[in-house]
Amino acid sequence: MKIKAYWLKLGAGIALIVLLLTFLVDPSDIANQISHSDLRWILLAGALHIIGLVLSAYRWQLLLGTQHVQAPLFDLIQSYLIGGFFNNFLPTRVGGDIYRMVDSKKYSGSLLRPFAVIFVERLSGVYALLLIGIAAVAFYPRFEEVKPLAFALFGLSIFGFLCMLLFYGSPRFGEWLKTLAGKLPARLSIKILSMFDAFWYFSRSRSVLAYAFVLAILLQGNVILYYYFIARGIHMSLTFQEAAIVMPILICIQLLPLTPNGIGVREFTYIYLLAPFGTDRALAVAFSLWDYILTFFYGLIGGILYLLKKSPQTELGGHGEPPSK
């Protein structure tokens, strides 16, 4: 059933692309925008992937440490790259997180703590991105032009704040949730309470969490700069502030499991969200295409690492990594 659902989502994504190229955008116009791109800016954008990769892995390592899970930074970088490979084919931008969770089980002995860490890591990262977007829209000189985007940012931020209360709230709030869970059937209650304990473990390391959140803001600033460099590369008149307004919404939409790697949905989203800034459809699709190419390239590196990791020599403890204990 899951395989059938995947192919249905892939078919829907392809149908959206066909619709786009048939009725909304001339493929030759997109090709023209791509061919006139300034590759220096595109390469700079690609280089920011490396900075983001190292920052993300270091932040992941810090959060694992709050759960008393020790993992080498290089292994976490490799896990991020392989997760990026799976993101290219799974119907959500967080599909690679599933691989990272399973891969980090070898350091924790269970899936519960890696799940809690990756969930909080993703949630706090998105929230940091939304806060950057709110700061950008608050100082935007032509607020009326971006009012729908501003409402979307505020709505998402409120929702994110309520979600973060589950994991960063007061001890009294946590005890109330545990009491509520304790009234459920015993088998279900034990599982929920174990999950609460894993999440609320973070409340004992608030200084580390604060540092990790600062890193999240730096990381998301790097993400916005990445999109700004792509815009410069295709000669799009999108400022850094405007990128900070539109990209948080775009990324939140890409988290939804609609089509594999957001195919089709991503292109339509770019067209709609960039329209208030005077970006025509062909330029918006070219913007999306460069983003896809750069992301897919790093995913291919992750795919090669995954194949090497699964090679017979590696599994036998030959010339590759020794098998985990």
C-alpha atoms as a PDB file:
ATOM      1  CA  MET A   1       0.000   0.000   0.000  1.00  0.00           C
ATOM      2  CA  LYS A   2       2.864   2.347   0.858  1.00  0.00           C
ATOM      3  CA  ILE A   3       4.575   1.576  -2.462  1.00  0.00           C
ATOM      4  CA  LYS A   4       1.329   2.282  -4.305  1.00  0.00           C
ATOM      5  CA  ALA A   5       0.966   5.599  -2.457  1.00  0.00           C
ATOM      6  CA  TYR A   6       4.550   6.527  -3.411  1.00  0.00           C
ATOM      7  CA  TRP A   7       3.899   5.944  -7.113  1.00  0.00           C
ATOM      8  CA  LEU A   8       0.653   7.914  -6.895  1.00  0.00           C
ATOM      9  CA  LYS A   9       2.547  10.857  -5.362  1.00  0.00           C
ATOM     10  CA  LEU A  10       5.265  10.579  -8.000  1.00  0.00           C
ATOM     11  CA  GLY A  11       2.620  10.537 -10.730  1.00  0.00           C
ATOM     12  CA  ALA A  12       0.971  13.604  -9.216  1.00  0.00           C
ATOM     13  CA  GLY A  13       4.315  15.433  -9.173  1.00  0.00           C
ATOM     14  CA  ILE A  14       5.034  14.565 -12.798  1.00  0.00           C
ATOM     15  CA  ALA A  15       1.515  15.660 -13.771  1.00  0.00           C
ATOM     16  CA  LEU A  16       2.131  19.031 -12.115  1.00  0.00           C
ATOM     17  CA  ILE A  17       5.380  19.442 -14.084  1.00  0.00           C
ATOM     18  CA  VAL A  18       3.607  18.573 -17.362  1.00  0.00           C
ATOM     19  CA  LEU A  19       0.847  21.051 -16.533  1.00  0.00           C
ATOM     20  CA  LEU A  20       3.409  23.712 -15.707  1.00  0.00           C
ATOM     21  CA  LEU A  21       5.431  23.277 -18.896  1.00  0.00           C
ATOM     22  CA  THR A  22       2.360  22.942 -21.116  1.00  0.00           C
ATOM     23  CA  PHE A  23       0.187  25.831 -19.958  1.00  0.00           C
ATOM     24  CA  LEU A  24       2.148  28.166 -17.676  1.00  0.00           C
ATOM     25  CA  VAL A  25       5.808  28.347 -18.689  1.00  0.00           C
ATOM     26  CA  ASP A  26       7.613  27.918 -21.989  1.00  0.00           C
ATOM     27  CA  PRO A  27      10.500  25.423 -21.495  1.00  0.00           C
ATOM     28  CA  SER A  28      12.668  27.496 -23.835  1.00  0.00           C
ATOM     29  CA  ASP A  29      12.304  30.494 -21.504  1.00  0.00           C
ATOM     30  CA  ILE A  30      13.496  28.375 -18.576  1.00  0.00           C
ATOM     31  CA  ALA A  31      16.434  27.077 -20.617  1.00  0.00           C
ATOM     32  CA  ASN A  32      17.315  30.652 -21.555  1.00  0.00           C
ATOM     33  CA  GLN A  33      17.373  31.706 -17.899  1.00  0.00           C
ATOM     34  CA  ILE A  34      19.559  28.720 -16.974  1.00  0.00           C
ATOM     35  CA  SER A  35      21.992  29.300 -19.847  1.00  0.00           C
ATOM     36  CA  HIS A  36      22.504  32.949 -18.845  1.00  0.00           C
ATOM     37  CA  SER A  37      23.197  32.135 -15.195  1.00  0.00           C
ATOM     38  CA  ASP A  38      26.332  33.472 -13.554  1.00  0.00           C
ATOM     39  CA  LEU A  39      27.998  30.233 -12.416  1.00  0.00           C
ATOM     40  CA  ARG A  40      30.226  32.046  -9.929  1.00  0.00           C
ATOM     41  CA  TRP A  41      27.216  32.797  -7.745  1.00  0.00           C
ATOM     42  CA  ILE A  42      25.827  29.298  -8.266  1.00  0.00           C
ATOM     43  CA  LEU A  43      29.119  27.738  -7.140  1.00  0.00           C
ATOM     44  CA  LEU A  44      29.194  30.032  -4.116  1.00  0.00           C
ATOM     45  CA  ALA A  45      25.706  28.839  -3.258  1.00  0.00           C
ATOM     46  CA  GLY A  46      26.893  25.249  -3.570  1.00  0.00           C
ATOM     47  CA  ALA A  47      29.830  25.971  -1.261  1.00  0.00           C
ATOM     48  CA  LEU A  48      27.391  27.120   1.420  1.00  0.00           C
ATOM     49  CA  HIS A  49      26.052  23.565   1.467  1.00  0.00           C
ATOM     50  CA  ILE A  50      29.396  22.516   2.979  1.00  0.00           C
ATOM     51  CA  ILE A  51      29.171  25.146   5.724  1.00  0.00           C
ATOM     52  CA  GLY A  52      25.585  24.138   6.459  1.00  0.00           C
ATOM     53  CA  LEU A  53      26.537  20.464   6.531  1.00  0.00           C
ATOM     54  CA  VAL A  54      29.279  20.947   9.136  1.00  0.00           C
ATOM     55  CA  LEU A  55      27.138  23.283  11.265  1.00  0.00           C
ATOM     56  CA  SER A  56      24.200  20.857  11.148  1.00  0.00           C
ATOM     57  CA  ALA A  57      26.322  17.858  12.125  1.00  0.00           C
ATOM     58  CA  TYR A  58      27.982  19.771  14.984  1.00  0.00           C
ATOM     59  CA  ARG A  59      24.583  20.891  16.284  1.00  0.00           C
ATOM     60  CA  TRP A  60      23.276  17.335  16.017  1.00  0.00           C
ATOM     61  CA  GLN A  61      26.295  16.138  18.002  1.00  0.00           C
ATOM     62  CA  LEU A  62      25.576  18.700  20.757  1.00  0.00           C
ATOM     63  CA  LEU A  63      21.942  17.648  21.061  1.00  0.00           C
ATOM     64  CA  LEU A  64      22.907  13.971  21.151  1.00  0.00           C
ATOM     65  CA  GLY A  65      25.246  14.857  24.011  1.00  0.00           C
ATOM     66  CA  THR A  66      22.301  16.097  26.095  1.00  0.00           C
ATOM     67  CA  GLN A  67      20.969  12.530  25.888  1.00  0.00           C
ATOM     68  CA  HIS A  68      24.398  11.118  26.849  1.00  0.00           C
ATOM     69  CA  VAL A  69      24.913   9.783  23.332  1.00  0.00           C
ATOM     70  CA  GLN A  70      28.437  10.238  21.977  1.00  0.00           C
ATOM     71  CA  ALA A  71      28.951  10.184  18.201  1.00  0.00           C
ATOM     72  CA  PRO A  72      31.979  11.216  16.041  1.00  0.00           C
ATOM     73  CA  LEU A  73      31.404  14.402  14.051  1.00  0.00           C
ATOM     74  CA  PHE A  74      32.689  12.848  10.812  1.00  0.00           C
ATOM     75  CA  ASP A  75      30.176   9.990  11.094  1.00  0.00           C
ATOM     76  CA  LEU A  76      27.353  12.472  11.601  1.00  0.00           C
ATOM     77  CA  ILE A  77      28.454  14.474   8.544  1.00  0.00           C
ATOM     78  CA  GLN A  78      28.419  11.264   6.520  1.00  0.00           C
ATOM     79  CA  SER A  79      24.976  10.380   7.889  1.00  0.00           C
ATOM     80  CA  TYR A  80      23.686  13.828   6.864  1.00  0.00           C
ATOM     81  CA  LEU A  81      24.972  13.349   3.317  1.00  0.00           C
ATOM     82  CA  ILE A  82      23.359   9.920   3.027  1.00  0.00           C
ATOM     83  CA  GLY A  83      20.138  11.349   4.453  1.00  0.00           C
ATOM     84  CA  GLY A  84      20.292  13.957   1.689  1.00  0.00           C
ATOM     85  CA  PHE A  85      20.452  11.139  -0.850  1.00  0.00           C
ATOM     86  CA  PHE A  86      17.202   9.663   0.489  1.00  0.00           C
ATOM     87  CA  ASN A  87      15.612  13.125   0.480  1.00  0.00           C
ATOM     88  CA  ASN A  88      15.916  13.075  -3.305  1.00  0.00           C
ATOM     89  CA  PHE A  89      13.433  10.214  -3.544  1.00  0.00           C
ATOM     90  CA  LEU A  90      11.218  10.293  -0.460  1.00  0.00           C
ATOM     91  CA  PRO A  91       8.010  12.387  -0.433  1.00  0.00           C
ATOM     92  CA  THR A  92       9.172  14.937   2.136  1.00  0.00           C
ATOM     93  CA  ARG A  93      12.214  17.046   2.880  1.00  0.00           C
ATOM     94  CA  VAL A  94      12.634  15.246   6.213  1.00  0.00           C
ATOM     95  CA  GLY A  95      12.748  11.772   4.671  1.00  0.00           C
ATOM     96  CA  GLY A  96      16.488  11.653   5.258  1.00  0.00           C
ATOM     97  CA  ASP A  97      15.872  12.190   8.975  1.00  0.00           C
ATOM     98  CA  ILE A  98      14.526   8.643   9.132  1.00  0.00           C
ATOM     99  CA  TYR A  99      17.860   7.340   7.887  1.00  0.00           C
ATOM    100  CA  ARG A 100      19.763   9.540  10.368  1.00  0.00           C
ATOM    101  CA  MET A 101      17.608   8.282  13.219  1.00  0.00           C
ATOM    102  CA  VAL A 102      18.217   4.632  12.326  1.00  0.00           C
ATOM    103  CA  ASP A 103      21.913   5.231  11.674  1.00  0.00           C
ATOM    104  CA  SER A 104      22.468   6.922  15.041  1.00  0.00           C
ATOM    105  CA  LYS A 105      20.854   3.979  16.856  1.00  0.00           C
ATOM    106  CA  LYS A 106      24.283   2.312  16.942  1.00  0.00           C
ATOM    107  CA  TYR A 107      25.469   5.039  19.341  1.00  0.00           C
ATOM    108  CA  SER A 108      22.429   4.997  21.644  1.00  0.00           C
ATOM    109  CA  GLY A 109      21.240   1.398  21.593  1.00  0.00           C
ATOM    110  CA  SER A 110      17.636   2.420  20.891  1.00  0.00           C
ATOM    111  CA  LEU A 111      15.616   4.554  18.495  1.00  0.00           C
ATOM    112  CA  LEU A 112      13.892   6.601  21.182  1.00  0.00           C
ATOM    113  CA  ARG A 113      16.682   9.030  22.027  1.00  0.00           C
ATOM    114  CA  PRO A 114      17.799   9.596  18.376  1.00  0.00           C
ATOM    115  CA  PHE A 115      14.152  10.202  17.473  1.00  0.00           C
ATOM    116  CA  ALA A 116      13.777  12.790  20.243  1.00  0.00           C
ATOM    117  CA  VAL A 117      17.026  14.519  19.242  1.00  0.00           C
ATOM    118  CA  ILE A 118      16.231  14.676  15.518  1.00  0.00           C
ATOM    119  CA  PHE A 119      12.658  15.811  16.163  1.00  0.00           C
ATOM    120  CA  VAL A 120      13.776  18.639  18.458  1.00  0.00           C
ATOM    121  CA  GLU A 121      16.643  19.487  16.090  1.00  0.00           C
ATOM    122  CA  ARG A 122      14.261  19.823  13.148  1.00  0.00           C
ATOM    123  CA  LEU A 123      11.587  21.661  15.113  1.00  0.00           C
ATOM    124  CA  SER A 124      13.981  24.229  16.619  1.00  0.00           C
ATOM    125  CA  GLY A 125      15.663  24.738  13.245  1.00  0.00           C
ATOM    126  CA  VAL A 126      12.386  25.504  11.497  1.00  0.00           C
ATOM    127  CA  TYR A 127      11.364  27.800  14.349  1.00  0.00           C
ATOM    128  CA  ALA A 128      14.663  29.701  14.081  1.00  0.00           C
ATOM    129  CA  LEU A 129      14.014  30.115  10.352  1.00  0.00           C
ATOM    130  CA  LEU A 130      10.514  31.449  11.035  1.00  0.00           C
ATOM    131  CA  LEU A 131      11.863  33.968  13.549  1.00  0.00           C
ATOM    132  CA  ILE A 132      14.307  35.237  10.925  1.00  0.00           C
ATOM    133  CA  GLY A 133      11.376  35.559   8.509  1.00  0.00           C
ATOM    134  CA  ILE A 134       9.316  37.537  11.041  1.00  0.00           C
ATOM    135  CA  ALA A 135      12.236  39.886  11.718  1.00  0.00           C
ATOM    136  CA  ALA A 136      12.651  40.412   7.966  1.00  0.00           C
ATOM    137  CA  VAL A 137       8.965  41.127   7.316  1.00  0.00           C
ATOM    138  CA  ALA A 138       8.727  43.473  10.326  1.00  0.00           C
ATOM    139  CA  PHE A 139      11.269  45.824   8.728  1.00  0.00           C
ATOM    140  CA  TYR A 140      10.147  45.401   5.121  1.00  0.00           C
ATOM    141  CA  PRO A 141       9.344  48.894   3.713  1.00  0.00           C
ATOM    142  CA  ARG A 142       6.464  47.737   1.467  1.00  0.00           C
ATOM    143  CA  PHE A 143       4.512  45.648   3.961  1.00  0.00           C
ATOM    144  CA  GLU A 144       1.250  45.723   1.967  1.00  0.00           C
ATOM    145  CA  GLU A 145       2.919  43.786  -0.856  1.00  0.00           C
ATOM    146  CA  VAL A 146       3.855  40.891   1.430  1.00  0.00           C
ATOM    147  CA  LYS A 147       0.914  40.945   3.848  1.00  0.00           C
ATOM    148  CA  PRO A 148      -0.271  37.379   2.946  1.00  0.00           C
ATOM    149  CA  LEU A 149       3.283  36.096   3.467  1.00  0.00           C
ATOM    150  CA  ALA A 150       3.474  37.954   6.801  1.00  0.00           C
ATOM    151  CA  PHE A 151       0.247  36.321   8.015  1.00  0.00           C
ATOM    152  CA  ALA A 152       1.583  32.910   6.972  1.00  0.00           C
ATOM    153  CA  LEU A 153       4.830  33.509   8.874  1.00  0.00           C
ATOM    154  CA  PHE A 154       3.023  34.601  12.030  1.00  0.00           C
ATOM    155  CA  GLY A 155       0.637  31.648  11.868  1.00  0.00           C
ATOM    156  CA  LEU A 156       3.449  29.143  11.417  1.00  0.00           C
ATOM    157  CA  SER A 157       5.452  30.775  14.225  1.00  0.00           C
ATOM    158  CA  ILE A 158       2.566  30.530  16.686  1.00  0.00           C
ATOM    159  CA  PHE A 159       2.078  26.879  15.783  1.00  0.00           C
ATOM    160  CA  GLY A 160       5.834  26.265  16.192  1.00  0.00           C
ATOM    161  CA  PHE A 161       5.837  27.987  19.574  1.00  0.00           C
ATOM    162  CA  LEU A 162       3.017  25.756  20.823  1.00  0.00           C
ATOM    163  CA  CYS A 163       4.898  22.671  19.618  1.00  0.00           C
ATOM    164  CA  MET A 164       8.100  23.778  21.346  1.00  0.00           C
ATOM    165  CA  LEU A 165       6.209  24.121  24.640  1.00  0.00           C
ATOM    166  CA  LEU A 166       5.900  20.339  24.626  1.00  0.00           C
ATOM    167  CA  PHE A 167       9.666  20.009  24.940  1.00  0.00           C
ATOM    168  CA  TYR A 168      10.934  23.291  26.407  1.00  0.00           C
ATOM    169  CA  GLY A 169       8.052  24.169  28.736  1.00  0.00           C
ATOM    170  CA  SER A 170       8.117  24.412  32.513  1.00  0.00           C
ATOM    171  CA  PRO A 171       8.528  21.288  34.704  1.00  0.00           C
ATOM    172  CA  ARG A 172       4.968  21.835  35.960  1.00  0.00           C
ATOM    173  CA  PHE A 173       3.686  21.659  32.387  1.00  0.00           C
ATOM    174  CA  GLY A 174       5.660  18.447  31.876  1.00  0.00           C
ATOM    175  CA  GLU A 175       4.246  16.870  35.024  1.00  0.00           C
ATOM    176  CA  TRP A 176       0.727  17.726  33.870  1.00  0.00           C
ATOM    177  CA  LEU A 177       1.338  15.982  30.536  1.00  0.00           C
ATOM    178  CA  LYS A 178       2.725  12.924  32.315  1.00  0.00           C
ATOM    179  CA  THR A 179      -0.284  12.790  34.639  1.00  0.00           C
ATOM    180  CA  LEU A 180      -2.582  12.987  31.631  1.00  0.00           C
ATOM    181  CA  ALA A 181      -0.702  10.195  29.852  1.00  0.00           C
ATOM    182  CA  GLY A 182      -0.790   8.073  32.996  1.00  0.00           C
ATOM    183  CA  LYS A 183      -4.585   7.841  32.726  1.00  0.00           C
ATOM    184  CA  LEU A 184      -4.331   5.992  29.412  1.00  0.00           C
ATOM    185  CA  PRO A 185      -4.212   2.168  29.153  1.00  0.00           C
ATOM    186  CA  ALA A 186      -1.023   0.831  30.768  1.00  0.00           C
ATOM    187  CA  ARG A 187       0.645  -0.467  27.596  1.00  0.00           C
ATOM    188  CA  LEU A 188       0.134   2.809  25.730  1.00  0.00           C
ATOM    189  CA  SER A 189       0.916   4.914  28.815  1.00  0.00           C
ATOM    190  CA  ILE A 190       4.352   3.298  29.290  1.00  0.00           C
ATOM    191  CA  LYS A 191       5.360   4.076  25.710  1.00  0.00           C
ATOM    192  CA  ILE A 192       4.153   7.677  25.888  1.00  0.00           C
ATOM    193  CA  LEU A 193       5.843   8.289  29.246  1.00  0.00           C
ATOM    194  CA  SER A 194       9.123   6.863  27.906  1.00  0.00           C
ATOM    195  CA  MET A 195       8.891   9.263  24.974  1.00  0.00           C
ATOM    196  CA  PHE A 196       8.139  12.196  27.288  1.00  0.00           C
ATOM    197  CA  ASP A 197      11.197  11.318  29.387  1.00  0.00           C
ATOM    198  CA  ALA A 198      13.380  11.340  26.268  1.00  0.00           C
ATOM    199  CA  PHE A 199      12.043  14.733  25.206  1.00  0.00           C
ATOM    200  CA  TRP A 200      12.103  16.302  28.659  1.00  0.00           C
ATOM    201  CA  TYR A 201      15.692  15.224  29.113  1.00  0.00           C
ATOM    202  CA  PHE A 202      16.519  18.388  27.169  1.00  0.00           C
ATOM    203  CA  SER A 203      15.194  20.569  29.996  1.00  0.00           C
ATOM    204  CA  ARG A 204      18.192  19.493  32.100  1.00  0.00           C
ATOM    205  CA  SER A 205      20.620  20.981  29.556  1.00  0.00           C
ATOM    206  CA  ARG A 206      19.152  24.427  28.922  1.00  0.00           C
ATOM    207  CA  SER A 207      22.529  26.103  28.339  1.00  0.00           C
ATOM    208  CA  VAL A 208      23.380  23.555  25.645  1.00  0.00           C
ATOM    209  CA  LEU A 209      19.924  24.022  24.115  1.00  0.00           C
ATOM    210  CA  ALA A 210      20.395  27.792  24.059  1.00  0.00           C
ATOM    211  CA  TYR A 211      23.755  27.369  22.308  1.00  0.00           C
ATOM    212  CA  ALA A 212      22.199  24.898  19.854  1.00  0.00           C
ATOM    213  CA  PHE A 213      19.429  27.416  19.099  1.00  0.00           C
ATOM    214  CA  VAL A 214      22.011  30.134  18.379  1.00  0.00           C
ATOM    215  CA  LEU A 215      23.668  27.674  15.998  1.00  0.00           C
ATOM    216  CA  ALA A 216      20.239  27.054  14.439  1.00  0.00           C
ATOM    217  CA  ILE A 217      19.860  30.785  13.728  1.00  0.00           C
ATOM    218  CA  LEU A 218      23.332  30.873  12.129  1.00  0.00           C
ATOM    219  CA  LEU A 219      22.506  27.750  10.143  1.00  0.00           C
ATOM    220  CA  GLN A 220      19.222  29.153   8.847  1.00  0.00           C
ATOM    221  CA  GLY A 221      20.922  32.436   8.003  1.00  0.00           C
ATOM    222  CA  ASN A 222      23.285  30.340   5.896  1.00  0.00           C
ATOM    223  CA  VAL A 223      20.253  28.726   4.206  1.00  0.00           C
ATOM    224  CA  ILE A 224      18.795  32.113   3.287  1.00  0.00           C
ATOM    225  CA  LEU A 225      22.183  33.279   2.003  1.00  0.00           C
ATOM    226  CA  TYR A 226      22.282  30.125  -0.138  1.00  0.00           C
ATOM    227  CA  TYR A 227      18.983  31.062  -1.806  1.00  0.00           C
ATOM    228  CA  TYR A 228      20.089  34.683  -2.153  1.00  0.00           C
ATOM    229  CA  PHE A 229      23.249  33.564  -4.004  1.00  0.00           C
ATOM    230  CA  ILE A 230      21.141  31.466  -6.393  1.00  0.00           C
ATOM    231  CA  ALA A 231      18.967  34.529  -7.025  1.00  0.00           C
ATOM    232  CA  ARG A 232      22.066  36.563  -7.832  1.00  0.00           C
ATOM    233  CA  GLY A 233      23.256  33.777 -10.100  1.00  0.00           C
ATOM    234  CA  ILE A 234      20.144  33.984 -12.295  1.00  0.00           C
ATOM    235  CA  HIS A 235      20.037  37.810 -12.138  1.00  0.00           C
ATOM    236  CA  MET A 236      16.877  37.861 -10.034  1.00  0.00           C
ATOM    237  CA  SER A 237      16.149  41.145  -8.250  1.00  0.00           C
ATOM    238  CA  LEU A 238      15.562  39.432  -4.907  1.00  0.00           C
ATOM    239  CA  THR A 239      17.214  41.039  -1.891  1.00  0.00           C
ATOM    240  CA  PHE A 240      18.501  39.112   1.117  1.00  0.00           C
ATOM    241  CA  GLN A 241      15.633  40.511   3.193  1.00  0.00           C
ATOM    242  CA  GLU A 242      13.062  39.330   0.645  1.00  0.00           C
ATOM    243  CA  ALA A 243      14.675  35.889   0.576  1.00  0.00           C
ATOM    244  CA  ALA A 244      14.382  35.814   4.381  1.00  0.00           C
ATOM    245  CA  ILE A 245      10.632  36.484   4.058  1.00  0.00           C
ATOM    246  CA  VAL A 246       9.754  33.938   1.398  1.00  0.00           C
ATOM    247  CA  MET A 247      12.114  31.005   2.071  1.00  0.00           C
ATOM    248  CA  PRO A 248      10.800  30.018   5.539  1.00  0.00           C
ATOM    249  CA  ILE A 249       7.325  29.503   4.060  1.00  0.00           C
ATOM    250  CA  LEU A 250       8.746  27.626   1.086  1.00  0.00           C
ATOM    251  CA  ILE A 251      10.751  25.271   3.312  1.00  0.00           C
ATOM    252  CA  CYS A 252       7.761  24.620   5.587  1.00  0.00           C
ATOM    253  CA  ILE A 253       5.704  23.631   2.536  1.00  0.00           C
ATOM    254  CA  GLN A 254       8.474  21.297   1.387  1.00  0.00           C
ATOM    255  CA  LEU A 255       8.281  19.492   4.741  1.00  0.00           C
ATOM    256  CA  LEU A 256       4.833  18.212   3.760  1.00  0.00           C
ATOM    257  CA  PRO A 257       4.854  14.677   2.270  1.00  0.00           C
ATOM    258  CA  LEU A 258       3.102  15.642  -0.960  1.00  0.00           C
ATOM    259  CA  THR A 259       5.368  14.413  -3.789  1.00  0.00           C
ATOM    260  CA  PRO A 260       8.857  12.817  -3.910  1.00  0.00           C
ATOM    261  CA  ASN A 261      11.379  15.586  -3.199  1.00  0.00           C
ATOM    262  CA  GLY A 262       8.564  18.108  -3.688  1.00  0.00           C
ATOM    263  CA  ILE A 263       8.588  17.641  -7.466  1.00  0.00           C
ATOM    264  CA  GLY A 264       5.944  19.836  -9.078  1.00  0.00           C
ATOM    265  CA  VAL A 265       4.800  21.293  -5.765  1.00  0.00           C
ATOM    266  CA  ARG A 266       8.157  23.027  -5.358  1.00  0.00           C
ATOM    267  CA  GLU A 267       7.951  24.730  -8.755  1.00  0.00           C
ATOM    268  CA  PHE A 268       4.390  25.984  -8.250  1.00  0.00           C
ATOM    269  CA  THR A 269       5.326  27.202  -4.763  1.00  0.00           C
ATOM    270  CA  TYR A 270       8.284  29.172  -6.113  1.00  0.00           C
ATOM    271  CA  ILE A 271       6.067  30.793  -8.740  1.00  0.00           C
ATOM    272  CA  TYR A 272       3.407  31.817  -6.208  1.00  0.00           C
ATOM    273  CA  LEU A 273       5.715  32.979  -3.401  1.00  0.00           C
ATOM    274  CA  LEU A 274       8.108  34.941  -5.611  1.00  0.00           C
ATOM    275  CA  ALA A 275       5.357  36.701  -7.579  1.00  0.00           C
ATOM    276  CA  PRO A 276       4.982  39.576  -5.033  1.00  0.00           C
ATOM    277  CA  PHE A 277       8.613  40.490  -5.722  1.00  0.00           C
ATOM    278  CA  GLY A 278       8.108  40.831  -9.474  1.00  0.00           C
ATOM    279  CA  THR A 279       9.611  37.468 -10.447  1.00  0.00           C
ATOM    280  CA  ASP A 280       8.194  36.002 -13.642  1.00  0.00           C
ATOM    281  CA  ARG A 281       7.314  32.316 -13.912  1.00  0.00           C
ATOM    282  CA  ALA A 282      10.259  31.214 -16.042  1.00  0.00           C
ATOM    283  CA  LEU A 283      12.727  32.857 -13.654  1.00  0.00           C
ATOM    284  CA  ALA A 284      10.999  31.286 -10.634  1.00  0.00           C
ATOM    285  CA  VAL A 285      11.232  27.821 -12.203  1.00  0.00           C
ATOM    286  CA  ALA A 286      14.897  28.405 -13.088  1.00  0.00           C
ATOM    287  CA  PHE A 287      15.462  29.367  -9.446  1.00  0.00           C
ATOM    288  CA  SER A 288      13.806  26.125  -8.357  1.00  0.00           C
ATOM    289  CA  LEU A 289      15.799  24.102 -10.873  1.00  0.00           C
ATOM    290  CA  TRP A 290      19.175  25.382  -9.659  1.00  0.00           C
ATOM    291  CA  ASP A 291      18.138  24.614  -6.090  1.00  0.00           C
ATOM    292  CA  TYR A 292      17.218  21.083  -7.172  1.00  0.00           C
ATOM    293  CA  ILE A 293      20.473  20.579  -9.108  1.00  0.00           C
ATOM    294  CA  LEU A 294      22.678  21.642  -6.182  1.00  0.00           C
ATOM    295  CA  THR A 295      20.702  19.586  -3.673  1.00  0.00           C
ATOM    296  CA  PHE A 296      20.678  16.555  -5.963  1.00  0.00           C
ATOM    297  CA  PHE A 297      24.462  16.811  -6.441  1.00  0.00           C
ATOM    298  CA  TYR A 298      25.090  16.563  -2.699  1.00  0.00           C
ATOM    299  CA  GLY A 299      22.550  13.760  -2.573  1.00  0.00           C
ATOM    300  CA  LEU A 300      24.609  11.854  -5.143  1.00  0.00           C
ATOM    301  CA  ILE A 301      27.664  12.166  -2.899  1.00  0.00           C
ATOM    302  CA  GLY A 302      25.553  10.710  -0.107  1.00  0.00           C
ATOM    303  CA  GLY A 303      24.436   7.893  -2.406  1.00  0.00           C
ATOM    304  CA  ILE A 304      28.059   6.981  -3.165  1.00  0.00           C
ATOM    305  CA  LEU A 305      28.853   6.986   0.561  1.00  0.00           C
ATOM    306  CA  TYR A 306      25.839   4.772   1.208  1.00  0.00           C
ATOM    307  CA  LEU A 307      26.975   2.240  -1.413  1.00  0.00           C
ATOM    308  CA  LEU A 308      30.486   2.206   0.037  1.00  0.00           C
ATOM    309  CA  LYS A 309      29.065   1.755   3.516  1.00  0.00           C
ATOM    310  CA  LYS A 310      27.019  -1.216   2.338  1.00  0.00           C
ATOM    311  CA  SER A 311      29.859  -2.830   0.369  1.00  0.00           C
ATOM    312  CA  PRO A 312      30.889  -6.400   1.340  1.00  0.00           C
ATOM    313  CA  GLN A 313      34.302  -5.190   2.523  1.00  0.00           C
ATOM    314  CA  THR A 314      32.694  -2.675   4.872  1.00  0.00           C
ATOM    315  CA  GLU A 315      30.248  -5.185   6.316  1.00  0.00           C
ATOM    316  CA  LEU A 316      33.031  -7.709   6.902  1.00  0.00           C
ATOM    317  CA  GLY A 317      35.197  -5.121   8.568  1.00  0.00           C
ATOM    318  CA  GLY A 318      37.711  -5.080   5.731  1.00  0.00           C
ATOM    319  CA  HIS A 319      38.965  -1.788   4.331  1.00  0.00           C
ATOM    320  CA  GLY A 320      35.845   0.164   5.164  1.00  0.00           C
ATOM    321  CA  GLU A 321      34.416   1.154   8.514  1.00  0.00           C
ATOM    322  CA  PRO A 322      34.348  -1.577  11.154  1.00  0.00           C
ATOM    323  CA  PRO A 323      30.893  -2.918  11.850  1.00  0.00           C
ATOM    324  CA  SER A 324      29.152  -1.300  14.801  1.00  0.00           C
ATOM    325  CA  LYS A 325      29.089  -3.251  18.028  1.00  0.00           C
END
